[in-house]
N, C-alpha and C. Protein backbone atom coordinates (compact mmCIF):
# COMPACT_ATOMS: atom_id res chain seq x y z
N MET A 1 -21.46 52.32 -14.62
CA MET A 1 -21.99 51.44 -13.61
C MET A 1 -22.40 50.09 -14.19
N LYS A 2 -23.00 50.15 -15.40
CA LYS A 2 -23.39 48.92 -16.06
C LYS A 2 -22.17 48.07 -16.35
N LYS A 3 -21.10 48.73 -16.72
CA LYS A 3 -19.87 48.02 -17.02
C LYS A 3 -19.35 47.30 -15.78
N PHE A 4 -19.47 47.95 -14.64
CA PHE A 4 -19.03 47.36 -13.38
C PHE A 4 -19.82 46.09 -13.07
N PHE A 5 -21.15 46.16 -13.22
CA PHE A 5 -21.98 44.99 -12.95
C PHE A 5 -21.75 43.88 -13.98
N ALA A 6 -21.46 44.26 -15.21
CA ALA A 6 -21.17 43.26 -16.23
C ALA A 6 -19.87 42.52 -15.89
N ILE A 7 -18.85 43.28 -15.48
CA ILE A 7 -17.57 42.66 -15.10
C ILE A 7 -17.75 41.83 -13.83
N LEU A 8 -18.51 42.35 -12.89
CA LEU A 8 -18.79 41.61 -11.66
C LEU A 8 -19.56 40.32 -11.97
N GLY A 9 -20.53 40.40 -12.86
CA GLY A 9 -21.30 39.22 -13.26
C GLY A 9 -20.42 38.19 -13.94
N LEU A 10 -19.53 38.65 -14.84
CA LEU A 10 -18.61 37.73 -15.52
C LEU A 10 -17.64 37.11 -14.52
N GLY A 11 -17.16 37.91 -13.60
CA GLY A 11 -16.25 37.39 -12.57
C GLY A 11 -16.94 36.31 -11.72
N ALA A 12 -18.18 36.57 -11.33
CA ALA A 12 -18.93 35.59 -10.54
C ALA A 12 -19.18 34.33 -11.36
N PHE A 13 -19.50 34.51 -12.64
CA PHE A 13 -19.74 33.37 -13.53
C PHE A 13 -18.48 32.50 -13.63
N PHE A 14 -17.33 33.12 -13.87
CA PHE A 14 -16.09 32.35 -13.99
C PHE A 14 -15.68 31.72 -12.65
N ALA A 15 -15.99 32.40 -11.56
CA ALA A 15 -15.70 31.83 -10.24
C ALA A 15 -16.53 30.58 -10.01
N LEU A 16 -17.80 30.64 -10.40
CA LEU A 16 -18.66 29.46 -10.24
C LEU A 16 -18.19 28.31 -11.14
N ILE A 17 -17.77 28.63 -12.34
CA ILE A 17 -17.24 27.59 -13.24
C ILE A 17 -15.95 27.01 -12.65
N GLY A 18 -15.10 27.85 -12.13
CA GLY A 18 -13.86 27.38 -11.51
C GLY A 18 -14.14 26.46 -10.33
N LEU A 19 -15.11 26.84 -9.50
CA LEU A 19 -15.48 25.98 -8.38
C LEU A 19 -16.09 24.67 -8.87
N GLY A 20 -16.86 24.74 -9.94
CA GLY A 20 -17.46 23.54 -10.51
C GLY A 20 -16.42 22.57 -11.06
N ILE A 21 -15.32 23.10 -11.53
CA ILE A 21 -14.27 22.25 -12.10
C ILE A 21 -13.25 21.86 -11.03
N PHE A 22 -12.77 22.83 -10.29
CA PHE A 22 -11.64 22.60 -9.38
C PHE A 22 -12.03 22.51 -7.90
N GLY A 23 -13.25 22.78 -7.54
CA GLY A 23 -13.65 22.81 -6.14
C GLY A 23 -13.72 21.42 -5.52
N GLU A 24 -14.10 21.39 -4.23
CA GLU A 24 -14.18 20.13 -3.50
C GLU A 24 -15.18 19.17 -4.13
N ARG A 25 -16.21 19.68 -4.71
CA ARG A 25 -17.23 18.85 -5.36
C ARG A 25 -17.21 19.06 -6.87
N GLY A 26 -16.07 19.43 -7.37
CA GLY A 26 -15.94 19.71 -8.79
C GLY A 26 -15.72 18.45 -9.63
N ILE A 27 -15.62 18.67 -10.92
CA ILE A 27 -15.47 17.58 -11.88
C ILE A 27 -14.18 16.80 -11.66
N ILE A 28 -13.09 17.50 -11.39
CA ILE A 28 -11.80 16.82 -11.19
C ILE A 28 -11.87 15.92 -9.96
N GLN A 29 -12.43 16.43 -8.88
CA GLN A 29 -12.57 15.63 -7.66
C GLN A 29 -13.49 14.44 -7.91
N LEU A 30 -14.55 14.65 -8.68
CA LEU A 30 -15.47 13.57 -9.00
C LEU A 30 -14.77 12.45 -9.77
N LYS A 31 -13.92 12.81 -10.71
CA LYS A 31 -13.17 11.81 -11.47
C LYS A 31 -12.21 11.04 -10.56
N LYS A 32 -11.55 11.73 -9.65
CA LYS A 32 -10.66 11.08 -8.70
C LYS A 32 -11.42 10.08 -7.83
N LEU A 33 -12.58 10.51 -7.34
CA LEU A 33 -13.39 9.64 -6.49
C LEU A 33 -13.90 8.42 -7.25
N ARG A 34 -14.27 8.61 -8.49
CA ARG A 34 -14.72 7.47 -9.31
C ARG A 34 -13.59 6.48 -9.55
N ALA A 35 -12.39 6.98 -9.82
CA ALA A 35 -11.24 6.10 -10.02
C ALA A 35 -10.93 5.34 -8.73
N GLU A 36 -11.00 6.03 -7.61
CA GLU A 36 -10.74 5.38 -6.32
C GLU A 36 -11.80 4.31 -6.04
N ARG A 37 -13.05 4.61 -6.33
CA ARG A 37 -14.12 3.64 -6.14
C ARG A 37 -13.91 2.41 -7.01
N LYS A 38 -13.47 2.61 -8.24
CA LYS A 38 -13.22 1.48 -9.14
C LYS A 38 -12.10 0.59 -8.59
N LYS A 39 -11.03 1.21 -8.08
CA LYS A 39 -9.93 0.44 -7.48
C LYS A 39 -10.43 -0.35 -6.27
N LEU A 40 -11.24 0.28 -5.44
CA LEU A 40 -11.76 -0.38 -4.25
C LEU A 40 -12.69 -1.54 -4.62
N GLU A 41 -13.49 -1.36 -5.67
CA GLU A 41 -14.37 -2.44 -6.12
C GLU A 41 -13.55 -3.63 -6.63
N GLN A 42 -12.46 -3.35 -7.33
CA GLN A 42 -11.58 -4.42 -7.80
C GLN A 42 -10.94 -5.14 -6.61
N LYS A 43 -10.52 -4.38 -5.62
CA LYS A 43 -9.91 -4.96 -4.43
C LYS A 43 -10.93 -5.83 -3.68
N ILE A 44 -12.17 -5.38 -3.64
CA ILE A 44 -13.23 -6.16 -3.00
C ILE A 44 -13.42 -7.49 -3.72
N LYS A 45 -13.41 -7.47 -5.06
CA LYS A 45 -13.56 -8.72 -5.82
C LYS A 45 -12.43 -9.69 -5.49
N ILE A 46 -11.21 -9.18 -5.45
CA ILE A 46 -10.05 -10.03 -5.15
C ILE A 46 -10.18 -10.61 -3.75
N LEU A 47 -10.56 -9.78 -2.78
CA LEU A 47 -10.71 -10.24 -1.40
C LEU A 47 -11.85 -11.25 -1.27
N GLU A 48 -12.93 -11.07 -2.03
CA GLU A 48 -14.03 -12.03 -2.01
C GLU A 48 -13.58 -13.37 -2.57
N GLN A 49 -12.77 -13.35 -3.63
CA GLN A 49 -12.25 -14.59 -4.19
C GLN A 49 -11.34 -15.30 -3.18
N GLU A 50 -10.46 -14.53 -2.54
CA GLU A 50 -9.59 -15.12 -1.52
C GLU A 50 -10.42 -15.70 -0.38
N ASN A 51 -11.46 -15.00 0.01
CA ASN A 51 -12.33 -15.46 1.08
C ASN A 51 -13.01 -16.77 0.69
N ASP A 52 -13.49 -16.87 -0.55
CA ASP A 52 -14.11 -18.10 -1.03
C ASP A 52 -13.11 -19.26 -1.03
N GLU A 53 -11.88 -18.99 -1.47
CA GLU A 53 -10.84 -20.03 -1.48
C GLU A 53 -10.54 -20.51 -0.07
N LEU A 54 -10.43 -19.57 0.87
CA LEU A 54 -10.16 -19.94 2.26
C LEU A 54 -11.32 -20.72 2.87
N ALA A 55 -12.55 -20.34 2.53
CA ALA A 55 -13.71 -21.08 3.03
C ALA A 55 -13.70 -22.51 2.49
N GLN A 56 -13.31 -22.66 1.23
CA GLN A 56 -13.20 -24.00 0.63
C GLN A 56 -12.13 -24.83 1.35
N LYS A 57 -10.99 -24.21 1.64
CA LYS A 57 -9.93 -24.91 2.37
C LYS A 57 -10.39 -25.31 3.76
N ILE A 58 -11.14 -24.45 4.42
CA ILE A 58 -11.66 -24.77 5.75
C ILE A 58 -12.57 -26.00 5.67
N LYS A 59 -13.46 -26.01 4.65
CA LYS A 59 -14.35 -27.17 4.48
C LYS A 59 -13.54 -28.44 4.27
N LEU A 60 -12.50 -28.35 3.43
CA LEU A 60 -11.67 -29.53 3.17
C LEU A 60 -10.98 -29.99 4.45
N LEU A 61 -10.45 -29.05 5.21
CA LEU A 61 -9.76 -29.42 6.45
C LEU A 61 -10.71 -30.05 7.47
N GLN A 62 -11.96 -29.61 7.48
CA GLN A 62 -12.92 -30.13 8.45
C GLN A 62 -13.52 -31.46 8.02
N ASN A 63 -13.65 -31.68 6.70
CA ASN A 63 -14.43 -32.82 6.22
C ASN A 63 -13.68 -33.85 5.40
N ASP A 64 -12.53 -33.51 4.87
CA ASP A 64 -11.84 -34.42 3.95
C ASP A 64 -10.55 -34.93 4.58
N PHE A 65 -10.59 -36.17 5.08
CA PHE A 65 -9.44 -36.75 5.75
C PHE A 65 -8.27 -36.93 4.80
N LYS A 66 -8.55 -37.30 3.55
CA LYS A 66 -7.46 -37.51 2.58
C LYS A 66 -6.71 -36.21 2.30
N TYR A 67 -7.44 -35.12 2.22
CA TYR A 67 -6.81 -33.81 2.02
C TYR A 67 -5.93 -33.46 3.22
N LEU A 68 -6.45 -33.70 4.40
CA LEU A 68 -5.70 -33.40 5.62
C LEU A 68 -4.44 -34.27 5.70
N GLU A 69 -4.56 -35.55 5.33
CA GLU A 69 -3.41 -36.44 5.33
C GLU A 69 -2.36 -35.98 4.32
N ARG A 70 -2.82 -35.58 3.14
CA ARG A 70 -1.88 -35.11 2.11
C ARG A 70 -1.13 -33.87 2.59
N LEU A 71 -1.83 -32.94 3.22
CA LEU A 71 -1.17 -31.75 3.76
C LEU A 71 -0.15 -32.12 4.83
N ALA A 72 -0.52 -33.05 5.72
CA ALA A 72 0.40 -33.45 6.78
C ALA A 72 1.65 -34.09 6.19
N ARG A 73 1.49 -34.85 5.12
CA ARG A 73 2.64 -35.47 4.48
C ARG A 73 3.53 -34.42 3.80
N GLN A 74 2.90 -33.50 3.07
CA GLN A 74 3.66 -32.51 2.32
C GLN A 74 4.32 -31.47 3.23
N LYS A 75 3.54 -30.90 4.11
CA LYS A 75 4.03 -29.77 4.91
C LYS A 75 4.85 -30.21 6.12
N LEU A 76 4.44 -31.31 6.74
CA LEU A 76 5.09 -31.72 7.99
C LEU A 76 5.98 -32.94 7.84
N GLY A 77 5.96 -33.56 6.66
CA GLY A 77 6.79 -34.74 6.43
C GLY A 77 6.34 -35.95 7.23
N MET A 78 5.07 -36.01 7.55
CA MET A 78 4.55 -37.11 8.35
C MET A 78 4.41 -38.37 7.50
N ILE A 79 4.54 -39.52 8.17
CA ILE A 79 4.40 -40.81 7.49
C ILE A 79 3.51 -41.70 8.33
N ARG A 80 3.04 -42.78 7.71
CA ARG A 80 2.25 -43.76 8.44
C ARG A 80 3.20 -44.64 9.25
N PRO A 81 2.68 -45.30 10.27
CA PRO A 81 3.55 -46.14 11.12
C PRO A 81 4.24 -47.27 10.35
N ASP A 82 3.63 -47.77 9.28
CA ASP A 82 4.22 -48.89 8.55
C ASP A 82 5.10 -48.44 7.38
N GLU A 83 5.35 -47.15 7.24
CA GLU A 83 6.16 -46.63 6.14
C GLU A 83 7.58 -46.31 6.61
N LEU A 84 8.51 -46.37 5.66
CA LEU A 84 9.90 -45.99 5.91
C LEU A 84 10.31 -44.89 4.96
N ILE A 85 11.15 -44.00 5.41
CA ILE A 85 11.70 -42.96 4.55
C ILE A 85 13.17 -43.29 4.33
N LEU A 86 13.54 -43.38 3.08
CA LEU A 86 14.94 -43.65 2.73
C LEU A 86 15.57 -42.34 2.31
N LYS A 87 16.63 -41.96 2.97
CA LYS A 87 17.33 -40.74 2.60
C LYS A 87 18.63 -41.13 1.92
N LEU A 88 18.81 -40.62 0.72
CA LEU A 88 20.02 -40.89 -0.04
C LEU A 88 20.98 -39.72 0.11
N PRO A 89 22.28 -40.00 0.06
CA PRO A 89 23.24 -38.89 0.10
C PRO A 89 23.03 -37.97 -1.11
N GLU A 90 23.42 -36.73 -0.96
CA GLU A 90 23.25 -35.71 -2.00
C GLU A 90 23.82 -36.16 -3.34
N ASP A 91 25.03 -36.75 -3.37
CA ASP A 91 25.67 -37.16 -4.61
C ASP A 91 24.83 -38.19 -5.35
N GLU A 92 24.27 -39.12 -4.65
CA GLU A 92 23.47 -40.16 -5.29
C GLU A 92 22.18 -39.57 -5.84
N LEU A 93 21.61 -38.59 -5.17
CA LEU A 93 20.41 -37.94 -5.67
C LEU A 93 20.67 -37.22 -6.99
N GLU A 94 21.79 -36.53 -7.09
CA GLU A 94 22.12 -35.82 -8.32
C GLU A 94 22.33 -36.79 -9.46
N ASN A 95 22.98 -37.92 -9.21
CA ASN A 95 23.21 -38.92 -10.26
C ASN A 95 21.89 -39.54 -10.70
N GLN A 96 20.96 -39.74 -9.81
CA GLN A 96 19.67 -40.30 -10.15
C GLN A 96 18.84 -39.36 -10.99
N ASN A 97 19.01 -38.08 -10.80
CA ASN A 97 18.25 -37.08 -11.54
C ASN A 97 18.83 -36.81 -12.91
N GLY A 98 19.82 -37.58 -13.32
CA GLY A 98 20.40 -37.40 -14.65
C GLY A 98 21.55 -36.44 -14.69
N LYS A 99 21.97 -35.96 -13.56
CA LYS A 99 23.11 -35.04 -13.51
C LYS A 99 24.35 -35.86 -13.19
N ASP A 100 25.38 -35.65 -13.97
CA ASP A 100 26.62 -36.37 -13.73
C ASP A 100 27.66 -35.38 -13.26
N GLU A 101 28.44 -35.76 -12.27
CA GLU A 101 29.46 -34.87 -11.73
C GLU A 101 30.54 -34.57 -12.75
N ASN A 102 30.73 -35.43 -13.75
CA ASN A 102 31.79 -35.25 -14.73
C ASN A 102 31.39 -34.27 -15.83
N GLU A 103 30.15 -33.92 -15.89
CA GLU A 103 29.70 -33.03 -16.97
C GLU A 103 30.10 -31.61 -16.72
């Protein structure tokens, strides 16, 4: 009978250790959750940086006319009323950039 209780006690002991390692709240699950938390914290930092950059751009768009003008020129190709845009044919552009058709 003592042998039975000893084996039963050992079985219960190993079952508890198994649950402690492999169970829902075990060591392996804890390591997975910590790794996931670390990834999420890194993602939060990246998103906070992006948010700060966007907030800075919003401030510039609201308050800085020169920035807004530069964006309009670059993105939309806008010009002032007293400016002219000269468009050169493709061949002339290549020659101006140091590229020769004979090369």
